[in-house]
Amino acid sequence: MSAITTAISGVISAGARFDRAATTTVRDISQGNDIVSDLVEQIDSRNAFQASINVVKTADEMLGRLLDIKA
């Protein structure tokens, strides 16, 4: 699997994790439950999303430089 494919998979996974955490946060707030772990999960999934985006950017830059060298 290429770096870009892996990174895009990470973006999708992190987005889904964030959505689940946000839904859980809303449910817990409406029920008066503690939301700290939900917020931590949102932050963690946001960081995973950003890391995956950085991998996509880096792989794209590397591919662009390789094409420049070959041209």
PDB file of N, CA and C in Angstrom:
ATOM      1  N   MET A   1       0.834  -1.174   0.000  1.00  0.00           N
ATOM      2  CA  MET A   1       0.000   0.000   0.000  1.00  0.00           C
ATOM      3  C   MET A   1       0.886   1.248   0.000  1.00  0.00           C
ATOM      4  N   SER A   2       0.505   2.239  -0.759  1.00  0.00           N
ATOM      5  CA  SER A   2       1.308   3.457  -0.830  1.00  0.00           C
ATOM      6  C   SER A   2       1.054   4.347   0.385  1.00  0.00           C
ATOM      7  N   ALA A   3       1.960   5.284   0.594  1.00  0.00           N
ATOM      8  CA  ALA A   3       1.831   6.205   1.731  1.00  0.00           C
ATOM      9  C   ALA A   3       0.555   7.036   1.615  1.00  0.00           C
ATOM     10  N   ILE A   4       0.230   7.447   0.410  1.00  0.00           N
ATOM     11  CA  ILE A   4      -0.965   8.268   0.227  1.00  0.00           C
ATOM     12  C   ILE A   4      -2.223   7.458   0.541  1.00  0.00           C
ATOM     13  N   THR A   5      -2.272   6.217   0.086  1.00  0.00           N
ATOM     14  CA  THR A   5      -3.427   5.365   0.363  1.00  0.00           C
ATOM     15  C   THR A   5      -3.588   5.139   1.866  1.00  0.00           C
ATOM     16  N   THR A   6      -2.487   4.862   2.531  1.00  0.00           N
ATOM     17  CA  THR A   6      -2.522   4.660   3.980  1.00  0.00           C
ATOM     18  C   THR A   6      -2.969   5.926   4.695  1.00  0.00           C
ATOM     19  N   ALA A   7      -2.455   7.065   4.268  1.00  0.00           N
ATOM     20  CA  ALA A   7      -2.804   8.334   4.906  1.00  0.00           C
ATOM     21  C   ALA A   7      -4.274   8.676   4.690  1.00  0.00           C
ATOM     22  N   ILE A   8      -4.782   8.433   3.505  1.00  0.00           N
ATOM     23  CA  ILE A   8      -6.198   8.712   3.243  1.00  0.00           C
ATOM     24  C   ILE A   8      -7.081   7.812   4.091  1.00  0.00           C
ATOM     25  N   SER A   9      -6.666   6.574   4.256  1.00  0.00           N
ATOM     26  CA  SER A   9      -7.392   5.666   5.145  1.00  0.00           C
ATOM     27  C   SER A   9      -7.395   6.211   6.575  1.00  0.00           C
ATOM     28  N   GLY A  10      -6.255   6.764   7.004  1.00  0.00           N
ATOM     29  CA  GLY A  10      -6.170   7.379   8.328  1.00  0.00           C
ATOM     30  C   GLY A  10      -7.073   8.585   8.469  1.00  0.00           C
ATOM     31  N   VAL A  11      -7.178   9.387   7.414  1.00  0.00           N
ATOM     32  CA  VAL A  11      -8.056  10.560   7.432  1.00  0.00           C
ATOM     33  C   VAL A  11      -9.505  10.119   7.621  1.00  0.00           C
ATOM     34  N   ILE A  12      -9.902   9.106   6.858  1.00  0.00           N
ATOM     35  CA  ILE A  12     -11.281   8.614   6.941  1.00  0.00           C
ATOM     36  C   ILE A  12     -11.562   8.038   8.324  1.00  0.00           C
ATOM     37  N   SER A  13     -10.635   7.259   8.829  1.00  0.00           N
ATOM     38  CA  SER A  13     -10.799   6.651  10.152  1.00  0.00           C
ATOM     39  C   SER A  13     -10.879   7.707  11.252  1.00  0.00           C
ATOM     40  N   ALA A  14      -9.996   8.689  11.208  1.00  0.00           N
ATOM     41  CA  ALA A  14     -10.000   9.752  12.216  1.00  0.00           C
ATOM     42  C   ALA A  14     -11.283  10.573  12.142  1.00  0.00           C
ATOM     43  N   GLY A  15     -11.761  10.814  10.946  1.00  0.00           N
ATOM     44  CA  GLY A  15     -13.023  11.547  10.795  1.00  0.00           C
ATOM     45  C   GLY A  15     -14.188  10.792  11.401  1.00  0.00           C
ATOM     46  N   ALA A  16     -14.216   9.490  11.180  1.00  0.00           N
ATOM     47  CA  ALA A  16     -15.283   8.661  11.757  1.00  0.00           C
ATOM     48  C   ALA A  16     -15.189   8.637  13.281  1.00  0.00           C
ATOM     49  N   ARG A  17     -13.962   8.531  13.812  1.00  0.00           N
ATOM     50  CA  ARG A  17     -13.768   8.559  15.268  1.00  0.00           C
ATOM     51  C   ARG A  17     -14.260   9.877  15.851  1.00  0.00           C
ATOM     52  N   PHE A  18     -13.942  10.974  15.175  1.00  0.00           N
ATOM     53  CA  PHE A  18     -14.372  12.280  15.662  1.00  0.00           C
ATOM     54  C   PHE A  18     -15.890  12.375  15.674  1.00  0.00           C
ATOM     55  N   ASP A  19     -16.527  11.914  14.598  1.00  0.00           N
ATOM     56  CA  ASP A  19     -17.985  11.954  14.523  1.00  0.00           C
ATOM     57  C   ASP A  19     -18.627  11.156  15.659  1.00  0.00           C
ATOM     58  N   ARG A  20     -18.084   9.956  15.920  1.00  0.00           N
ATOM     59  CA  ARG A  20     -18.625   9.131  17.008  1.00  0.00           C
ATOM     60  C   ARG A  20     -18.440   9.832  18.358  1.00  0.00           C
ATOM     61  N   ALA A  21     -17.264  10.424  18.569  1.00  0.00           N
ATOM     62  CA  ALA A  21     -17.000  11.113  19.833  1.00  0.00           C
ATOM     63  C   ALA A  21     -17.911  12.328  20.002  1.00  0.00           C
ATOM     64  N   ALA A  22     -18.147  13.047  18.919  1.00  0.00           N
ATOM     65  CA  ALA A  22     -19.022  14.223  19.001  1.00  0.00           C
ATOM     66  C   ALA A  22     -20.454  13.805  19.319  1.00  0.00           C
ATOM     67  N   THR A  23     -20.903  12.730  18.696  1.00  0.00           N
ATOM     68  CA  THR A  23     -22.248  12.223  18.971  1.00  0.00           C
ATOM     69  C   THR A  23     -22.376  11.781  20.426  1.00  0.00           C
ATOM     70  N   THR A  24     -21.352  11.096  20.919  1.00  0.00           N
ATOM     71  CA  THR A  24     -21.346  10.654  22.308  1.00  0.00           C
ATOM     72  C   THR A  24     -21.334  11.847  23.258  1.00  0.00           C
ATOM     73  N   THR A  25     -20.587  12.885  22.908  1.00  0.00           N
ATOM     74  CA  THR A  25     -20.526  14.089  23.740  1.00  0.00           C
ATOM     75  C   THR A  25     -21.906  14.722  23.873  1.00  0.00           C
ATOM     76  N   VAL A  26     -22.595  14.857  22.757  1.00  0.00           N
ATOM     77  CA  VAL A  26     -23.936  15.463  22.783  1.00  0.00           C
ATOM     78  C   VAL A  26     -24.879  14.609  23.634  1.00  0.00           C
ATOM     79  N   ARG A  27     -24.810  13.296  23.452  1.00  0.00           N
ATOM     80  CA  ARG A  27     -25.665  12.405  24.244  1.00  0.00           C
ATOM     81  C   ARG A  27     -25.360  12.543  25.738  1.00  0.00           C
ATOM     82  N   ASP A  28     -24.058  12.539  26.070  1.00  0.00           N
ATOM     83  CA  ASP A  28     -23.672  12.625  27.480  1.00  0.00           C
ATOM     84  C   ASP A  28     -24.053  13.966  28.105  1.00  0.00           C
ATOM     85  N   ILE A  29     -23.941  15.030  27.350  1.00  0.00           N
ATOM     86  CA  ILE A  29     -24.347  16.351  27.867  1.00  0.00           C
ATOM     87  C   ILE A  29     -25.842  16.353  28.154  1.00  0.00           C
ATOM     88  N   SER A  30     -26.616  15.817  27.224  1.00  0.00           N
ATOM     89  CA  SER A  30     -28.077  15.830  27.410  1.00  0.00           C
ATOM     90  C   SER A  30     -28.508  14.951  28.580  1.00  0.00           C
ATOM     91  N   GLN A  31     -27.687  13.936  28.914  1.00  0.00           N
ATOM     92  CA  GLN A  31     -28.012  13.049  30.031  1.00  0.00           C
ATOM     93  C   GLN A  31     -27.335  13.489  31.336  1.00  0.00           C
ATOM     94  N   GLY A  32     -26.547  14.544  31.265  1.00  0.00           N
ATOM     95  CA  GLY A  32     -25.874  15.051  32.450  1.00  0.00           C
ATOM     96  C   GLY A  32     -24.662  14.230  32.865  1.00  0.00           C
ATOM     97  N   ASN A  33     -24.104  13.466  31.947  1.00  0.00           N
ATOM     98  CA  ASN A  33     -22.934  12.626  32.235  1.00  0.00           C
ATOM     99  C   ASN A  33     -21.636  13.399  32.032  1.00  0.00           C
ATOM    100  N   ASP A  34     -20.567  12.849  32.546  1.00  0.00           N
ATOM    101  CA  ASP A  34     -19.232  13.430  32.387  1.00  0.00           C
ATOM    102  C   ASP A  34     -18.800  13.338  30.924  1.00  0.00           C
ATOM    103  N   ILE A  35     -18.269  14.420  30.388  1.00  0.00           N
ATOM    104  CA  ILE A  35     -17.889  14.442  28.969  1.00  0.00           C
ATOM    105  C   ILE A  35     -16.380  14.521  28.753  1.00  0.00           C
ATOM    106  N   VAL A  36     -15.602  14.431  29.812  1.00  0.00           N
ATOM    107  CA  VAL A  36     -14.154  14.602  29.686  1.00  0.00           C
ATOM    108  C   VAL A  36     -13.557  13.579  28.724  1.00  0.00           C
ATOM    109  N   SER A  37     -13.914  12.308  28.887  1.00  0.00           N
ATOM    110  CA  SER A  37     -13.342  11.282  27.998  1.00  0.00           C
ATOM    111  C   SER A  37     -13.787  11.490  26.556  1.00  0.00           C
ATOM    112  N   ASP A  38     -14.999  11.997  26.362  1.00  0.00           N
ATOM    113  CA  ASP A  38     -15.479  12.290  25.004  1.00  0.00           C
ATOM    114  C   ASP A  38     -14.648  13.406  24.367  1.00  0.00           C
ATOM    115  N   LEU A  39     -14.348  14.426  25.150  1.00  0.00           N
ATOM    116  CA  LEU A  39     -13.548  15.531  24.641  1.00  0.00           C
ATOM    117  C   LEU A  39     -12.113  15.098  24.343  1.00  0.00           C
ATOM    118  N   VAL A  40     -11.576  14.232  25.191  1.00  0.00           N
ATOM    119  CA  VAL A  40     -10.228  13.701  24.943  1.00  0.00           C
ATOM    120  C   VAL A  40     -10.217  12.909  23.637  1.00  0.00           C
ATOM    121  N   GLU A  41     -11.256  12.121  23.403  1.00  0.00           N
ATOM    122  CA  GLU A  41     -11.343  11.344  22.154  1.00  0.00           C
ATOM    123  C   GLU A  41     -11.441  12.269  20.948  1.00  0.00           C
ATOM    124  N   GLN A  42     -12.172  13.365  21.083  1.00  0.00           N
ATOM    125  CA  GLN A  42     -12.260  14.328  19.982  1.00  0.00           C
ATOM    126  C   GLN A  42     -10.891  14.942  19.684  1.00  0.00           C
ATOM    127  N   ILE A  43     -10.173  15.311  20.724  1.00  0.00           N
ATOM    128  CA  ILE A  43      -8.841  15.895  20.535  1.00  0.00           C
ATOM    129  C   ILE A  43      -7.891  14.879  19.913  1.00  0.00           C
ATOM    130  N   ASP A  44      -7.942  13.647  20.410  1.00  0.00           N
ATOM    131  CA  ASP A  44      -7.075  12.588  19.880  1.00  0.00           C
ATOM    132  C   ASP A  44      -7.381  12.307  18.411  1.00  0.00           C
ATOM    133  N   SER A  45      -8.651  12.249  18.055  1.00  0.00           N
ATOM    134  CA  SER A  45      -9.000  11.980  16.661  1.00  0.00           C
ATOM    135  C   SER A  45      -8.640  13.167  15.770  1.00  0.00           C
ATOM    136  N   ARG A  46      -8.748  14.390  16.301  1.00  0.00           N
ATOM    137  CA  ARG A  46      -8.325  15.566  15.530  1.00  0.00           C
ATOM    138  C   ARG A  46      -6.823  15.512  15.244  1.00  0.00           C
ATOM    139  N   ASN A  47      -6.039  15.113  16.256  1.00  0.00           N
ATOM    140  CA  ASN A  47      -4.591  14.994  16.065  1.00  0.00           C
ATOM    141  C   ASN A  47      -4.248  13.900  15.064  1.00  0.00           C
ATOM    142  N   ALA A  48      -4.970  12.781  15.117  1.00  0.00           N
ATOM    143  CA  ALA A  48      -4.746  11.693  14.152  1.00  0.00           C
ATOM    144  C   ALA A  48      -5.094  12.163  12.736  1.00  0.00           C
ATOM    145  N   PHE A  49      -6.167  12.934  12.611  1.00  0.00           N
ATOM    146  CA  PHE A  49      -6.574  13.487  11.319  1.00  0.00           C
ATOM    147  C   PHE A  49      -5.476  14.391  10.765  1.00  0.00           C
ATOM    148  N   GLN A  50      -4.974  15.282  11.603  1.00  0.00           N
ATOM    149  CA  GLN A  50      -3.926  16.214  11.179  1.00  0.00           C
ATOM    150  C   GLN A  50      -2.660  15.476  10.786  1.00  0.00           C
ATOM    151  N   ALA A  51      -2.294  14.456  11.540  1.00  0.00           N
ATOM    152  CA  ALA A  51      -1.098  13.675  11.210  1.00  0.00           C
ATOM    153  C   ALA A  51      -1.257  12.992   9.857  1.00  0.00           C
ATOM    154  N   SER A  52      -2.434  12.451   9.600  1.00  0.00           N
ATOM    155  CA  SER A  52      -2.669  11.792   8.310  1.00  0.00           C
ATOM    156  C   SER A  52      -2.625  12.797   7.158  1.00  0.00           C
ATOM    157  N   ILE A  53      -3.173  13.976   7.381  1.00  0.00           N
ATOM    158  CA  ILE A  53      -3.118  15.031   6.356  1.00  0.00           C
ATOM    159  C   ILE A  53      -1.665  15.414   6.077  1.00  0.00           C
ATOM    160  N   ASN A  54      -0.856  15.501   7.117  1.00  0.00           N
ATOM    161  CA  ASN A  54       0.565  15.832   6.925  1.00  0.00           C
ATOM    162  C   ASN A  54       1.278  14.763   6.118  1.00  0.00           C
ATOM    163  N   VAL A  55       0.927  13.504   6.299  1.00  0.00           N
ATOM    164  CA  VAL A  55       1.526  12.424   5.504  1.00  0.00           C
ATOM    165  C   VAL A  55       1.133  12.585   4.040  1.00  0.00           C
ATOM    166  N   VAL A  56      -0.132  12.907   3.778  1.00  0.00           N
ATOM    167  CA  VAL A  56      -0.585  13.114   2.398  1.00  0.00           C
ATOM    168  C   VAL A  56       0.195  14.263   1.758  1.00  0.00           C
ATOM    169  N   LYS A  57       0.334  15.369   2.484  1.00  0.00           N
ATOM    170  CA  LYS A  57       1.066  16.527   1.952  1.00  0.00           C
ATOM    171  C   LYS A  57       2.522  16.170   1.649  1.00  0.00           C
ATOM    172  N   THR A  58       3.162  15.464   2.568  1.00  0.00           N
ATOM    173  CA  THR A  58       4.569  15.095   2.392  1.00  0.00           C
ATOM    174  C   THR A  58       4.740  14.152   1.211  1.00  0.00           C
ATOM    175  N   ALA A  59       3.863  13.164   1.104  1.00  0.00           N
ATOM    176  CA  ALA A  59       3.947  12.221  -0.017  1.00  0.00           C
ATOM    177  C   ALA A  59       3.726  12.942  -1.336  1.00  0.00           C
ATOM    178  N   ASP A  60       2.807  13.897  -1.350  1.00  0.00           N
ATOM    179  CA  ASP A  60       2.547  14.672  -2.565  1.00  0.00           C
ATOM    180  C   ASP A  60       3.768  15.508  -2.949  1.00  0.00           C
ATOM    181  N   GLU A  61       4.399  16.119  -1.955  1.00  0.00           N
ATOM    182  CA  GLU A  61       5.606  16.906  -2.231  1.00  0.00           C
ATOM    183  C   GLU A  61       6.733  16.025  -2.763  1.00  0.00           C
ATOM    184  N   MET A  62       6.889  14.862  -2.157  1.00  0.00           N
ATOM    185  CA  MET A  62       7.944  13.945  -2.604  1.00  0.00           C
ATOM    186  C   MET A  62       7.701  13.488  -4.045  1.00  0.00           C
ATOM    187  N   LEU A  63       6.460  13.170  -4.363  1.00  0.00           N
ATOM    188  CA  LEU A  63       6.120  12.757  -5.717  1.00  0.00           C
ATOM    189  C   LEU A  63       6.377  13.897  -6.702  1.00  0.00           C
ATOM    190  N   GLY A  64       6.005  15.104  -6.312  1.00  0.00           N
ATOM    191  CA  GLY A  64       6.251  16.266  -7.170  1.00  0.00           C
ATOM    192  C   GLY A  64       7.720  16.496  -7.423  1.00  0.00           C
ATOM    193  N   ARG A  65       8.525  16.348  -6.389  1.00  0.00           N
ATOM    194  CA  ARG A  65       9.982  16.520  -6.563  1.00  0.00           C
ATOM    195  C   ARG A  65      10.569  15.421  -7.440  1.00  0.00           C
ATOM    196  N   LEU A  66      10.076  14.205  -7.267  1.00  0.00           N
ATOM    197  CA  LEU A  66      10.542  13.108  -8.102  1.00  0.00           C
ATOM    198  C   LEU A  66      10.215  13.349  -9.560  1.00  0.00           C
ATOM    199  N   LEU A  67       9.024  13.845  -9.813  1.00  0.00           N
ATOM    200  CA  LEU A  67       8.639  14.150 -11.198  1.00  0.00           C
ATOM    201  C   LEU A  67       9.487  15.293 -11.761  1.00  0.00           C
ATOM    202  N   ASP A  68       9.825  16.285 -10.914  1.00  0.00           N
ATOM    203  CA  ASP A  68      10.689  17.375 -11.360  1.00  0.00           C
ATOM    204  C   ASP A  68      12.068  16.852 -11.726  1.00  0.00           C
ATOM    205  N   ILE A  69      12.572  15.909 -10.951  1.00  0.00           N
ATOM    206  CA  ILE A  69      13.902  15.335 -11.223  1.00  0.00           C
ATOM    207  C   ILE A  69      13.883  14.561 -12.530  1.00  0.00           C
ATOM    208  N   LYS A  70      12.804  13.814 -12.743  1.00  0.00           N
ATOM    209  CA  LYS A  70      12.706  12.985 -13.948  1.00  0.00           C
ATOM    210  C   LYS A  70      12.452  13.812 -15.204  1.00  0.00           C
ATOM    211  N   ALA A  71      11.918  15.021 -15.055  1.00  0.00           N
ATOM    212  CA  ALA A  71      11.553  15.833 -16.220  1.00  0.00           C
ATOM    213  C   ALA A  71      12.724  16.439 -16.913  1.00  0.00           C
TER     214      ALA A  71
END
